[in-house]
């Protein structure tokens, strides 16, 4: 049920409640208001959860980018160390 359907059905319910005798109307109107408040809080909570998920997805993308960059840097530095080590071995061999 989307928000528009909920609001429409809640409006219908309130209209039906208003046709009841006063002693029943007060209690049921309070329950209808409580249902509306709960639905609004739930809607807000879902929006906050969606924002949190979006932030988490973005954070994961940045972390994966950083991981790949670190792997590339690591491979580059290993090659430099290997060249340096082989260069030292060649220099020692010629002495």
N, C-alpha and C. Protein backbone atom coordinates (compact mmCIF):
# COMPACT_ATOMS: atom_id res chain seq x y z
N UNK A 1 0.85 -1.17 0.00
CA UNK A 1 0.00 0.00 0.00
C UNK A 1 0.90 1.24 0.00
N UNK A 2 0.67 2.10 -0.96
CA UNK A 2 1.48 3.32 -1.01
C UNK A 2 0.86 4.39 -0.11
N UNK A 3 1.56 5.50 -0.02
CA UNK A 3 1.14 6.56 0.89
C UNK A 3 -0.21 7.14 0.50
N UNK A 4 -0.45 7.29 -0.79
CA UNK A 4 -1.71 7.87 -1.25
C UNK A 4 -2.89 6.95 -0.89
N UNK A 5 -2.71 5.63 -1.07
CA UNK A 5 -3.77 4.68 -0.71
C UNK A 5 -4.04 4.73 0.79
N UNK A 6 -2.96 4.80 1.57
CA UNK A 6 -3.12 4.84 3.02
C UNK A 6 -3.91 6.08 3.43
N UNK A 7 -3.52 7.24 2.88
CA UNK A 7 -4.21 8.48 3.24
C UNK A 7 -5.69 8.43 2.84
N UNK A 8 -5.96 7.86 1.68
CA UNK A 8 -7.34 7.75 1.22
C UNK A 8 -8.16 6.84 2.15
N UNK A 9 -7.62 5.68 2.48
CA UNK A 9 -8.34 4.75 3.36
C UNK A 9 -8.49 5.32 4.77
N UNK A 10 -7.46 6.03 5.24
CA UNK A 10 -7.56 6.65 6.55
C UNK A 10 -8.64 7.73 6.55
N UNK A 11 -8.72 8.50 5.47
CA UNK A 11 -9.78 9.51 5.35
C UNK A 11 -11.17 8.88 5.35
N UNK A 12 -11.30 7.76 4.63
CA UNK A 12 -12.58 7.04 4.63
C UNK A 12 -12.92 6.56 6.04
N UNK A 13 -11.92 6.04 6.72
CA UNK A 13 -12.14 5.55 8.08
C UNK A 13 -12.57 6.69 9.01
N UNK A 14 -11.94 7.82 8.90
CA UNK A 14 -12.29 8.97 9.75
C UNK A 14 -13.71 9.44 9.42
N UNK A 15 -14.07 9.43 8.15
CA UNK A 15 -15.44 9.80 7.77
C UNK A 15 -16.45 8.85 8.40
N UNK A 16 -16.15 7.56 8.38
CA UNK A 16 -17.05 6.57 8.99
C UNK A 16 -17.09 6.75 10.51
N UNK A 17 -15.95 7.07 11.11
CA UNK A 17 -15.91 7.28 12.56
C UNK A 17 -16.78 8.48 12.94
N UNK A 18 -16.75 9.51 12.12
CA UNK A 18 -17.52 10.73 12.43
C UNK A 18 -19.03 10.50 12.38
N UNK A 19 -19.47 9.39 11.81
CA UNK A 19 -20.91 9.09 11.79
C UNK A 19 -21.36 8.37 13.06
N UNK A 20 -20.40 7.94 13.87
CA UNK A 20 -20.72 7.20 15.10
C UNK A 20 -21.13 8.15 16.22
N UNK A 21 -21.75 7.58 17.28
CA UNK A 21 -22.08 8.40 18.46
C UNK A 21 -20.80 8.97 19.11
N UNK A 22 -20.95 10.09 19.78
CA UNK A 22 -19.81 10.83 20.35
C UNK A 22 -18.93 9.98 21.26
N UNK A 23 -19.52 9.13 22.11
CA UNK A 23 -18.72 8.35 23.05
C UNK A 23 -17.79 7.37 22.33
N UNK A 24 -18.20 6.83 21.21
CA UNK A 24 -17.35 5.92 20.44
C UNK A 24 -16.39 6.69 19.54
N UNK A 25 -16.82 7.84 19.08
CA UNK A 25 -16.04 8.64 18.14
C UNK A 25 -14.70 9.10 18.72
N UNK A 26 -14.70 9.54 19.96
CA UNK A 26 -13.49 10.07 20.57
C UNK A 26 -12.39 9.02 20.61
N UNK A 27 -12.73 7.84 21.09
CA UNK A 27 -11.73 6.77 21.21
C UNK A 27 -11.21 6.34 19.84
N UNK A 28 -12.10 6.18 18.89
CA UNK A 28 -11.70 5.73 17.55
C UNK A 28 -10.92 6.81 16.80
N UNK A 29 -11.26 8.07 17.00
CA UNK A 29 -10.48 9.16 16.39
C UNK A 29 -9.06 9.17 16.94
N UNK A 30 -8.91 8.91 18.22
CA UNK A 30 -7.58 8.84 18.82
C UNK A 30 -6.78 7.70 18.21
N UNK A 31 -7.44 6.55 18.00
CA UNK A 31 -6.76 5.41 17.37
C UNK A 31 -6.37 5.73 15.92
N UNK A 32 -7.23 6.43 15.21
CA UNK A 32 -6.93 6.80 13.82
C UNK A 32 -5.76 7.78 13.77
N UNK A 33 -5.74 8.73 14.69
CA UNK A 33 -4.61 9.66 14.76
C UNK A 33 -3.31 8.93 15.08
N UNK A 34 -3.40 7.96 15.97
CA UNK A 34 -2.21 7.16 16.32
C UNK A 34 -1.71 6.36 15.12
N UNK A 35 -2.65 5.80 14.35
CA UNK A 35 -2.26 5.05 13.15
C UNK A 35 -1.58 5.98 12.15
N UNK A 36 -2.09 7.18 12.00
CA UNK A 36 -1.49 8.16 11.08
C UNK A 36 -0.08 8.53 11.55
N UNK A 37 0.08 8.76 12.85
CA UNK A 37 1.40 9.10 13.39
C UNK A 37 2.38 7.95 13.18
N UNK A 38 1.93 6.74 13.41
CA UNK A 38 2.81 5.58 13.21
C UNK A 38 3.24 5.46 11.75
N UNK A 39 2.29 5.68 10.85
CA UNK A 39 2.60 5.59 9.43
C UNK A 39 3.62 6.66 9.04
N UNK A 40 3.48 7.87 9.57
CA UNK A 40 4.43 8.94 9.28
C UNK A 40 5.81 8.62 9.84
N UNK A 41 5.86 8.07 11.06
CA UNK A 41 7.15 7.69 11.65
C UNK A 41 7.80 6.57 10.84
N UNK A 42 6.98 5.61 10.40
CA UNK A 42 7.51 4.51 9.60
C UNK A 42 8.05 5.03 8.27
N UNK A 43 7.33 5.96 7.66
CA UNK A 43 7.77 6.55 6.40
C UNK A 43 9.10 7.28 6.60
N UNK A 44 9.21 8.01 7.70
CA UNK A 44 10.46 8.72 8.00
C UNK A 44 11.60 7.74 8.24
N UNK A 45 11.32 6.67 8.96
CA UNK A 45 12.33 5.66 9.25
C UNK A 45 12.81 4.98 7.98
N UNK A 46 11.88 4.66 7.09
CA UNK A 46 12.25 4.02 5.81
C UNK A 46 13.12 4.97 4.99
N UNK A 47 12.78 6.25 4.98
CA UNK A 47 13.59 7.23 4.24
C UNK A 47 15.00 7.32 4.84
N UNK A 48 15.09 7.31 6.16
CA UNK A 48 16.40 7.35 6.81
C UNK A 48 17.21 6.09 6.51
N UNK A 49 16.55 4.95 6.50
CA UNK A 49 17.22 3.70 6.15
C UNK A 49 17.72 3.73 4.71
N UNK A 50 16.90 4.28 3.82
CA UNK A 50 17.31 4.39 2.41
C UNK A 50 18.53 5.29 2.28
N UNK A 51 18.53 6.40 3.00
CA UNK A 51 19.69 7.29 2.99
C UNK A 51 20.93 6.59 3.52
N UNK A 52 20.75 5.81 4.58
CA UNK A 52 21.88 5.08 5.16
C UNK A 52 22.41 4.04 4.17
N UNK A 53 21.52 3.35 3.49
CA UNK A 53 21.95 2.38 2.48
C UNK A 53 22.69 3.05 1.33
N UNK A 54 22.20 4.20 0.90
CA UNK A 54 22.87 4.94 -0.17
C UNK A 54 24.28 5.34 0.27
N UNK A 55 24.39 5.82 1.51
CA UNK A 55 25.71 6.20 2.03
C UNK A 55 26.62 4.99 2.13
N UNK A 56 26.08 3.86 2.56
CA UNK A 56 26.87 2.64 2.66
C UNK A 56 27.35 2.19 1.29
N UNK A 57 26.47 2.23 0.29
CA UNK A 57 26.88 1.86 -1.07
C UNK A 57 28.01 2.76 -1.57
N UNK A 58 27.88 4.05 -1.34
CA UNK A 58 28.92 4.99 -1.76
C UNK A 58 30.23 4.72 -1.03
N UNK A 59 30.15 4.46 0.25
CA UNK A 59 31.35 4.17 1.04
C UNK A 59 32.04 2.90 0.53
N UNK A 60 31.26 1.90 0.19
CA UNK A 60 31.83 0.66 -0.33
C UNK A 60 32.53 0.91 -1.66
N UNK A 61 31.93 1.75 -2.51
CA UNK A 61 32.57 2.07 -3.80
C UNK A 61 33.91 2.76 -3.57
N UNK A 62 33.94 3.71 -2.64
CA UNK A 62 35.21 4.39 -2.33
C UNK A 62 36.23 3.41 -1.77
N UNK A 63 35.79 2.52 -0.90
CA UNK A 63 36.72 1.53 -0.32
C UNK A 63 37.27 0.59 -1.39
N UNK A 64 36.42 0.16 -2.32
CA UNK A 64 36.89 -0.70 -3.40
C UNK A 64 37.87 0.04 -4.31
N UNK A 65 37.59 1.29 -4.58
CA UNK A 65 38.52 2.10 -5.38
C UNK A 65 39.86 2.21 -4.67
N UNK A 66 39.82 2.49 -3.38
CA UNK A 66 41.05 2.61 -2.59
C UNK A 66 41.80 1.28 -2.54
N UNK A 67 41.09 0.18 -2.41
CA UNK A 67 41.72 -1.14 -2.39
C UNK A 67 42.43 -1.42 -3.71
N UNK A 68 41.77 -1.12 -4.82
CA UNK A 68 42.39 -1.35 -6.13
C UNK A 68 43.62 -0.47 -6.31
N UNK A 69 43.53 0.79 -5.89
CA UNK A 69 44.68 1.69 -5.99
C UNK A 69 45.84 1.17 -5.13
N UNK A 70 45.53 0.68 -3.95
CA UNK A 70 46.56 0.14 -3.06
C UNK A 70 47.20 -1.10 -3.68
N UNK A 71 46.41 -1.94 -4.30
CA UNK A 71 46.96 -3.13 -4.97
C UNK A 71 47.89 -2.74 -6.12
N UNK A 72 47.47 -1.74 -6.90
CA UNK A 72 48.33 -1.29 -8.00
C UNK A 72 49.64 -0.71 -7.47
N UNK A 73 49.54 0.11 -6.43
CA UNK A 73 50.76 0.68 -5.83
C UNK A 73 51.65 -0.42 -5.27
N UNK A 74 51.07 -1.40 -4.65
CA UNK A 74 51.82 -2.52 -4.08
C UNK A 74 52.56 -3.28 -5.18
N UNK A 75 51.88 -3.56 -6.28
CA UNK A 75 52.51 -4.27 -7.39
C UNK A 75 53.64 -3.44 -7.98
N UNK A 76 53.43 -2.14 -8.12
CA UNK A 76 54.47 -1.26 -8.66
C UNK A 76 55.69 -1.24 -7.74
N UNK A 77 55.46 -1.12 -6.45
CA UNK A 77 56.58 -1.08 -5.49
C UNK A 77 57.32 -2.41 -5.45
N UNK A 78 56.60 -3.52 -5.59
CA UNK A 78 57.28 -4.83 -5.64
C UNK A 78 58.20 -4.93 -6.85
N UNK A 79 57.72 -4.43 -8.00
CA UNK A 79 58.55 -4.44 -9.20
C UNK A 79 59.79 -3.59 -9.00
N UNK A 80 59.62 -2.42 -8.38
CA UNK A 80 60.79 -1.58 -8.10
C UNK A 80 61.79 -2.29 -7.20
N UNK A 81 61.27 -2.95 -6.17
CA UNK A 81 62.15 -3.68 -5.26
C UNK A 81 62.86 -4.82 -5.97
N UNK A 82 62.13 -5.51 -6.84
CA UNK A 82 62.75 -6.60 -7.60
C UNK A 82 63.85 -6.08 -8.52
N UNK A 83 63.59 -4.94 -9.20
CA UNK A 83 64.60 -4.34 -10.07
C UNK A 83 65.82 -3.91 -9.25
N UNK A 84 65.53 -3.32 -8.11
CA UNK A 84 66.62 -2.86 -7.25
C UNK A 84 67.44 -4.05 -6.75
N UNK A 85 66.76 -5.12 -6.37
CA UNK A 85 67.45 -6.30 -5.88
C UNK A 85 68.26 -6.95 -7.00
N UNK A 86 67.70 -7.03 -8.20
CA UNK A 86 68.45 -7.63 -9.32
C UNK A 86 69.59 -6.72 -9.73
N UNK A 87 69.42 -5.41 -9.62
CA UNK A 87 70.50 -4.49 -9.93
C UNK A 87 71.64 -4.61 -8.94
N UNK A 88 71.34 -4.84 -7.67
CA UNK A 88 72.37 -5.04 -6.67
C UNK A 88 73.09 -6.36 -6.89
N UNK A 89 72.36 -7.39 -7.30
CA UNK A 89 72.99 -8.69 -7.56
C UNK A 89 73.93 -8.61 -8.76
N UNK A 90 73.55 -7.86 -9.80
CA UNK A 90 74.41 -7.68 -10.96
C UNK A 90 75.67 -6.92 -10.60
N UNK A 91 75.54 -5.90 -9.75
CA UNK A 91 76.69 -5.10 -9.35
C UNK A 91 77.64 -5.94 -8.50
N UNK A 92 77.11 -6.79 -7.64
CA UNK A 92 77.96 -7.64 -6.80
C UNK A 92 78.64 -8.70 -7.63
N UNK A 93 78.00 -9.17 -8.69
CA UNK A 93 78.59 -10.21 -9.55
C UNK A 93 79.76 -9.66 -10.33
N UNK A 94 79.69 -8.42 -10.75
CA UNK A 94 80.76 -7.85 -11.55
C UNK A 94 81.96 -7.44 -10.71
N UNK A 95 81.82 -7.34 -9.37
CA UNK A 95 82.96 -6.96 -8.51
C UNK A 95 83.88 -8.06 -8.35
